[in-house]
C-alpha atoms as a PDB file:
ATOM      1  CA  MET A   1     -34.429  14.590  24.823  1.00  0.00           C
ATOM      2  CA  LYS A   2     -35.536  11.392  23.039  1.00  0.00           C
ATOM      3  CA  TYR A   3     -32.320  11.299  21.015  1.00  0.00           C
ATOM      4  CA  GLN A   4     -30.162  11.663  24.148  1.00  0.00           C
ATOM      5  CA  THR A   5     -32.128   8.919  25.897  1.00  0.00           C
ATOM      6  CA  LEU A   6     -31.787   6.614  22.908  1.00  0.00           C
ATOM      7  CA  CYS A   7     -28.027   7.178  22.770  1.00  0.00           C
ATOM      8  CA  TYR A   8     -27.720   6.511  26.507  1.00  0.00           C
ATOM      9  CA  LEU A   9     -29.785   3.322  26.324  1.00  0.00           C
ATOM     10  CA  ARG A  10     -27.838   2.092  23.282  1.00  0.00           C
ATOM     11  CA  ALA A  11     -24.585   2.738  25.117  1.00  0.00           C
ATOM     12  CA  LEU A  12     -25.811   0.665  28.045  1.00  0.00           C
ATOM     13  CA  ALA A  13     -26.782  -2.184  25.726  1.00  0.00           C
ATOM     14  CA  THR A  14     -23.505  -2.232  23.822  1.00  0.00           C
ATOM     15  CA  THR A  15     -20.953  -1.639  26.587  1.00  0.00           C
ATOM     16  CA  HIS A  16     -21.852  -4.663  28.713  1.00  0.00           C
ATOM     17  CA  THR A  17     -19.057  -7.138  28.026  1.00  0.00           C
ATOM     18  CA  ALA A  18     -19.701  -9.796  30.659  1.00  0.00           C
ATOM     19  CA  THR A  19     -20.642 -13.248  29.465  1.00  0.00           C
ATOM     20  CA  MET A  20     -24.371 -13.839  29.784  1.00  0.00           C
ATOM     21  CA  ILE A  21     -24.169 -17.615  30.034  1.00  0.00           C
ATOM     22  CA  GLU A  22     -21.345 -19.635  31.503  1.00  0.00           C
ATOM     23  CA  CYS A  23     -20.085 -22.946  30.125  1.00  0.00           C
ATOM     24  CA  THR A  24     -21.337 -24.747  33.228  1.00  0.00           C
ATOM     25  CA  SER A  25     -24.835 -23.496  32.450  1.00  0.00           C
ATOM     26  CA  LEU A  26     -24.562 -24.813  28.907  1.00  0.00           C
ATOM     27  CA  GLU A  27     -23.511 -28.204  30.255  1.00  0.00           C
ATOM     28  CA  ARG A  28     -26.414 -28.236  32.725  1.00  0.00           C
ATOM     29  CA  ILE A  29     -28.898 -27.417  29.941  1.00  0.00           C
ATOM     30  CA  LEU A  30     -27.448 -30.136  27.731  1.00  0.00           C
ATOM     31  CA  LYS A  31     -27.544 -32.715  30.544  1.00  0.00           C
ATOM     32  CA  SER A  32     -31.230 -31.934  31.128  1.00  0.00           C
ATOM     33  CA  ILE A  33     -31.837 -32.882  27.484  1.00  0.00           C
ATOM     34  CA  ASP A  34     -29.422 -35.805  27.207  1.00  0.00           C
ATOM     35  CA  PRO A  35     -27.463 -36.901  30.300  1.00  0.00           C
ATOM     36  CA  SER A  36     -24.849 -38.722  28.212  1.00  0.00           C
ATOM     37  CA  ALA A  37     -24.100 -35.835  25.832  1.00  0.00           C
ATOM     38  CA  ARG A  38     -20.884 -33.813  25.999  1.00  0.00           C
ATOM     39  CA  LEU A  39     -19.938 -30.420  24.560  1.00  0.00           C
ATOM     40  CA  ASP A  40     -16.647 -29.826  22.792  1.00  0.00           C
ATOM     41  CA  THR A  41     -14.666 -26.901  24.241  1.00  0.00           C
ATOM     42  CA  ASP A  42     -14.758 -24.996  20.947  1.00  0.00           C
ATOM     43  CA  LEU A  43     -18.507 -25.552  20.667  1.00  0.00           C
ATOM     44  CA  LYS A  44     -18.994 -24.196  24.194  1.00  0.00           C
ATOM     45  CA  GLU A  45     -17.237 -21.001  23.181  1.00  0.00           C
ATOM     46  CA  VAL A  46     -19.280 -20.671  19.990  1.00  0.00           C
ATOM     47  CA  LEU A  47     -22.564 -21.201  21.851  1.00  0.00           C
ATOM     48  CA  ARG A  48     -21.525 -18.770  24.574  1.00  0.00           C
ATOM     49  CA  ASP A  49     -20.576 -16.120  22.006  1.00  0.00           C
ATOM     50  CA  PHE A  50     -23.808 -16.681  20.088  1.00  0.00           C
ATOM     51  CA  SER A  51     -25.927 -16.348  23.241  1.00  0.00           C
ATOM     52  CA  ASP A  52     -24.057 -13.183  24.245  1.00  0.00           C
ATOM     53  CA  ASP A  53     -24.589 -11.660  20.802  1.00  0.00           C
ATOM     54  CA  TYR A  54     -28.281 -12.572  20.877  1.00  0.00           C
ATOM     55  CA  VAL A  55     -28.853 -11.087  24.336  1.00  0.00           C
ATOM     56  CA  ASN A  56     -26.984  -7.908  23.377  1.00  0.00           C
ATOM     57  CA  ALA A  57     -29.011  -7.560  20.158  1.00  0.00           C
ATOM     58  CA  VAL A  58     -32.291  -8.050  22.026  1.00  0.00           C
ATOM     59  CA  CYS A  59     -31.273  -5.533  24.696  1.00  0.00           C
ATOM     60  CA  LYS A  60     -30.244  -2.974  22.094  1.00  0.00           C
ATOM     61  CA  LYS A  61     -33.523  -3.320  20.199  1.00  0.00           C
ATOM     62  CA  ALA A  62     -35.516  -3.248  23.471  1.00  0.00           C
ATOM     63  CA  CYS A  63     -33.732  -0.015  24.432  1.00  0.00           C
ATOM     64  CA  GLU A  64     -34.757   1.466  21.106  1.00  0.00           C
ATOM     65  CA  VAL A  65     -38.362   0.393  21.761  1.00  0.00           C
ATOM     66  CA  ALA A  66     -38.288   1.995  25.227  1.00  0.00           C
ATOM     67  CA  ALA A  67     -36.850   5.215  23.834  1.00  0.00           C
ATOM     68  CA  HIS A  68     -39.425   5.238  21.050  1.00  0.00           C
ATOM     69  CA  ARG A  69     -42.255   5.161  23.568  1.00  0.00           C
ATOM     70  CA  GLY A  70     -40.561   8.036  25.409  1.00  0.00           C
ATOM     71  CA  SER A  71     -39.313   6.106  28.429  1.00  0.00           C
ATOM     72  CA  LYS A  72     -35.961   6.339  30.146  1.00  0.00           C
ATOM     73  CA  ARG A  73     -36.574   2.953  31.768  1.00  0.00           C
ATOM     74  CA  LEU A  74     -36.291  -0.406  30.063  1.00  0.00           C
ATOM     75  CA  GLU A  75     -39.212  -2.643  30.994  1.00  0.00           C
ATOM     76  CA  VAL A  76     -40.182  -6.252  30.395  1.00  0.00           C
ATOM     77  CA  LYS A  77     -42.736  -5.158  27.810  1.00  0.00           C
ATOM     78  CA  ASP A  78     -39.930  -3.575  25.759  1.00  0.00           C
ATOM     79  CA  VAL A  79     -37.929  -6.791  25.733  1.00  0.00           C
ATOM     80  CA  ARG A  80     -41.035  -8.838  24.930  1.00  0.00           C
ATOM     81  CA  TYR A  81     -41.944  -6.505  22.068  1.00  0.00           C
ATOM     82  CA  ALA A  82     -38.415  -6.613  20.642  1.00  0.00           C
ATOM     83  CA  ILE A  83     -38.315 -10.411  20.702  1.00  0.00           C
ATOM     84  CA  GLU A  84     -41.801 -10.806  19.238  1.00  0.00           C
ATOM     85  CA  HIS A  85     -41.294  -8.294  16.434  1.00  0.00           C
ATOM     86  CA  TYR A  86     -37.619  -8.502  15.545  1.00  0.00           C
ATOM     87  CA  PHE A  87     -36.313 -11.916  16.584  1.00  0.00           C
ATOM     88  CA  LYS A  88     -38.859 -14.486  15.451  1.00  0.00           C
END
């Protein structure tokens, strides 16, 4: 059962193809830091791809953590654990 759950959770983490952060969000974040700064179009795409890859990697590892503790449900504590132990 644990193996099937792990495979299911991994599939959920790896099949989500939507962009996690839009370019307008990147611009809003940048403007909060420096109102006069601008992002190049290519840089926006690189940052968006990087953020998507990071979120997918965290979700995948968090799913593995949830499966390891025998849960079929991904919880905040799984994501927190994955970030604290694998992405620092």
